[in-house]
Amino acid sequence: MKLYNLSEELAYVVYTIDEMLSSDTIKKE
């Protein structure tokens, strides 16, 4: 159960960071 929750949070964090990086890339161009 804990591992599953950890995977869920990790996936959310990775998704959020990816969105932030995409936004930064768009702003720089």
PDB file of N, CA and C in Angstrom:
ATOM      1  N   MET A   1       0.849  -1.203   0.000  1.00  0.00           N
ATOM      2  CA  MET A   1       0.000   0.000   0.000  1.00  0.00           C
ATOM      3  C   MET A   1       0.883   1.251   0.000  1.00  0.00           C
ATOM      4  N   LYS A   2       1.900   1.256   0.861  1.00  0.00           N
ATOM      5  CA  LYS A   2       2.758   2.450   0.923  1.00  0.00           C
ATOM      6  C   LYS A   2       3.531   2.626  -0.383  1.00  0.00           C
ATOM      7  N   LEU A   3       4.016   1.516  -0.936  1.00  0.00           N
ATOM      8  CA  LEU A   3       4.771   1.617  -2.190  1.00  0.00           C
ATOM      9  C   LEU A   3       3.871   2.169  -3.289  1.00  0.00           C
ATOM     10  N   TYR A   4       2.622   1.723  -3.315  1.00  0.00           N
ATOM     11  CA  TYR A   4       1.692   2.200  -4.338  1.00  0.00           C
ATOM     12  C   TYR A   4       1.479   3.702  -4.195  1.00  0.00           C
ATOM     13  N   ASN A   5       1.269   4.148  -2.956  1.00  0.00           N
ATOM     14  CA  ASN A   5       1.061   5.581  -2.722  1.00  0.00           C
ATOM     15  C   ASN A   5       2.298   6.361  -3.123  1.00  0.00           C
ATOM     16  N   LEU A   6       3.468   5.817  -2.832  1.00  0.00           N
ATOM     17  CA  LEU A   6       4.719   6.489  -3.178  1.00  0.00           C
ATOM     18  C   LEU A   6       4.829   6.617  -4.698  1.00  0.00           C
ATOM     19  N   SER A   7       4.456   5.562  -5.413  1.00  0.00           N
ATOM     20  CA  SER A   7       4.511   5.608  -6.876  1.00  0.00           C
ATOM     21  C   SER A   7       3.547   6.662  -7.404  1.00  0.00           C
ATOM     22  N   GLU A   8       2.375   6.751  -6.788  1.00  0.00           N
ATOM     23  CA  GLU A   8       1.382   7.743  -7.213  1.00  0.00           C
ATOM     24  C   GLU A   8       1.941   9.144  -7.027  1.00  0.00           C
ATOM     25  N   GLU A   9       2.555   9.410  -5.883  1.00  0.00           N
ATOM     26  CA  GLU A   9       3.108  10.746  -5.618  1.00  0.00           C
ATOM     27  C   GLU A   9       4.264  11.028  -6.558  1.00  0.00           C
ATOM     28  N   LEU A  10       5.122  10.038  -6.775  1.00  0.00           N
ATOM     29  CA  LEU A  10       6.270  10.223  -7.654  1.00  0.00           C
ATOM     30  C   LEU A  10       5.799  10.550  -9.068  1.00  0.00           C
ATOM     31  N   ALA A  11       4.787   9.833  -9.544  1.00  0.00           N
ATOM     32  CA  ALA A  11       4.267  10.083 -10.884  1.00  0.00           C
ATOM     33  C   ALA A  11       3.704  11.497 -10.963  1.00  0.00           C
ATOM     34  N   TYR A  12       3.025  11.948  -9.915  1.00  0.00           N
ATOM     35  CA  TYR A  12       2.450  13.297  -9.896  1.00  0.00           C
ATOM     36  C   TYR A  12       3.551  14.347  -9.917  1.00  0.00           C
ATOM     37  N   VAL A  13       4.601  14.118  -9.131  1.00  0.00           N
ATOM     38  CA  VAL A  13       5.716  15.073  -9.078  1.00  0.00           C
ATOM     39  C   VAL A  13       6.401  15.152 -10.437  1.00  0.00           C
ATOM     40  N   VAL A  14       6.657  14.003 -11.039  1.00  0.00           N
ATOM     41  CA  VAL A  14       7.314  13.979 -12.353  1.00  0.00           C
ATOM     42  C   VAL A  14       6.448  14.707 -13.374  1.00  0.00           C
ATOM     43  N   TYR A  15       5.141  14.464 -13.343  1.00  0.00           N
ATOM     44  CA  TYR A  15       4.229  15.129 -14.276  1.00  0.00           C
ATOM     45  C   TYR A  15       4.254  16.638 -14.068  1.00  0.00           C
ATOM     46  N   THR A  16       4.229  17.076 -12.819  1.00  0.00           N
ATOM     47  CA  THR A  16       4.250  18.513 -12.521  1.00  0.00           C
ATOM     48  C   THR A  16       5.549  19.147 -13.006  1.00  0.00           C
ATOM     49  N   ILE A  17       6.670  18.494 -12.728  1.00  0.00           N
ATOM     50  CA  ILE A  17       7.969  19.037 -13.162  1.00  0.00           C
ATOM     51  C   ILE A  17       8.012  19.104 -14.682  1.00  0.00           C
ATOM     52  N   ASP A  18       7.507  18.075 -15.347  1.00  0.00           N
ATOM     53  CA  ASP A  18       7.508  18.050 -16.811  1.00  0.00           C
ATOM     54  C   ASP A  18       6.693  19.215 -17.350  1.00  0.00           C
ATOM     55  N   GLU A  19       5.557  19.494 -16.729  1.00  0.00           N
ATOM     56  CA  GLU A  19       4.715  20.623 -17.148  1.00  0.00           C
ATOM     57  C   GLU A  19       5.473  21.929 -16.962  1.00  0.00           C
ATOM     58  N   MET A  20       6.166  22.074 -15.840  1.00  0.00           N
ATOM     59  CA  MET A  20       6.922  23.296 -15.561  1.00  0.00           C
ATOM     60  C   MET A  20       8.031  23.475 -16.592  1.00  0.00           C
ATOM     61  N   LEU A  21       8.737  22.398 -16.903  1.00  0.00           N
ATOM     62  CA  LEU A  21       9.826  22.478 -17.886  1.00  0.00           C
ATOM     63  C   LEU A  21       9.259  22.852 -19.252  1.00  0.00           C
ATOM     64  N   SER A  22       8.111  22.291 -19.607  1.00  0.00           N
ATOM     65  CA  SER A  22       7.496  22.601 -20.898  1.00  0.00           C
ATOM     66  C   SER A  22       7.132  24.079 -20.953  1.00  0.00           C
ATOM     67  N   SER A  23       6.592  24.605 -19.857  1.00  0.00           N
ATOM     68  CA  SER A  23       6.207  26.017 -19.808  1.00  0.00           C
ATOM     69  C   SER A  23       7.444  26.893 -19.944  1.00  0.00           C
ATOM     70  N   ASP A  24       8.523  26.534 -19.259  1.00  0.00           N
ATOM     71  CA  ASP A  24       9.756  27.314 -19.331  1.00  0.00           C
ATOM     72  C   ASP A  24      10.293  27.307 -20.756  1.00  0.00           C
ATOM     73  N   THR A  25      10.230  26.167 -21.416  1.00  0.00           N
ATOM     74  CA  THR A  25      10.741  26.067 -22.784  1.00  0.00           C
ATOM     75  C   THR A  25       9.933  26.972 -23.707  1.00  0.00           C
ATOM     76  N   ILE A  26       8.624  26.985 -23.527  1.00  0.00           N
ATOM     77  CA  ILE A  26       7.765  27.821 -24.373  1.00  0.00           C
ATOM     78  C   ILE A  26       8.081  29.296 -24.138  1.00  0.00           C
ATOM     79  N   LYS A  27       8.303  29.672 -22.876  1.00  0.00           N
ATOM     80  CA  LYS A  27       8.588  31.080 -22.562  1.00  0.00           C
ATOM     81  C   LYS A  27       9.929  31.515 -23.145  1.00  0.00           C
ATOM     82  N   LYS A  28      10.920  30.623 -23.117  1.00  0.00           N
ATOM     83  CA  LYS A  28      12.252  30.981 -23.614  1.00  0.00           C
ATOM     84  C   LYS A  28      12.247  31.203 -25.124  1.00  0.00           C
ATOM     85  N   GLU A  29      11.400  30.462 -25.851  1.00  0.00           N
ATOM     86  CA  GLU A  29      11.434  30.564 -27.309  1.00  0.00           C
ATOM     87  C   GLU A  29      10.767  31.808 -27.846  1.00  0.00           C
TER      88      GLU A  29
END
